[in-house]
Structure formats: structure tokens, C-alpha cells
Amino acid sequence: MFTAPATPSATIQPLQPYPSTLTVSGFTGVITDVNVLLNDLTYTFPEDLDVLVVHPDGTSVLLMSDAGGNGDGVAERTSDVDLILDQQASNLLPADTQLSSGTFRPVDDDVDLDSTFPVDASPAPAPAIGGTSLDVFNGKDPNGTWSLY
């Protein structure tokens, strides 16, 4: 479970814990498909969330950024939504409509960038933001500590 900062701010503030980690061990072979479940997502401004998953070797994928809103500054509150991010899903995660539970491809909707947050960025210790394709993990060793920022 992640907790939002107590006081909203115009600066980037990570949810807590930051990062959330998962240690994977005992698997043989290499990754052939990675899917990420964001369970019970509840947030007033989901369009403000940038969610990054990082492989133990540092390879990162931006799962969602600027999604679930309409770019007008009006809250598109998300409540108890279960998202499965899957590169083989039929549809992209909705960028400009309210989020609802389902299976989607990752999305980075930079069309709605504004002067307050002009680029996607994650506070330290997050690594540089990679692309949005989960396929970059294919062929890698699944074992080690994965991080979610």
C-alpha cells in the first residue's frame, strides 16, 4: 500500500514507501512476459501519477504517466481500481478519461504537459525513466529485487 503526502504541493513528492520492493528468487530460465498489477488504486488526481517499475539490473519501464485525466486540472478521482499493465493488452491505459479496472498497455501521455511539471521525473533514488514497453524485460533473469517508484 502506498500513502500520499499529507500536504499537497507543487513539488514532486513520492508516495510512501518509496520505492516499494519485491525480491524474486528461485526461478530458472529467463523472462518471457512481465505483467504488473496495481491493486485498489485510489487517488484524487491519477493524471499526476508517474509509476515506474525497475528490474534488478536497473532497466526501467514507465507504466503510467499523465493517464486517467483530461488535462484540465479537474480531478478525475480514481477509486478502488485494479489495473493490469500488459504489453500484449488490446488497449492503451486511458490517457484522457477516468481510469477503470482492466488490462491495458502502459502509456506516457506527454500531450498534457504543463509548465509546472514539464517533463516526467521521479525523485531520487529512482533511476532514469525508460520507455513504456514491458518487452525490454524479456530474456532477462527474473531473480533479484524489483522496485516500483
Foldseek 3Di string as FASTA:
>chain_A
DWADDPDDDLDDDDTPPVKDKDFDDDDDFFDDWDKDKDFFDWDFACQCDWKKKAAQVGDIATQEHQAAAALPPHTLTDGGEIEIATLPDPAARHNHHHGHHDYHHGDHPLVSADPSHNDDDDDPPRDDHDYRHPCVRTRHHRGGMMIMD
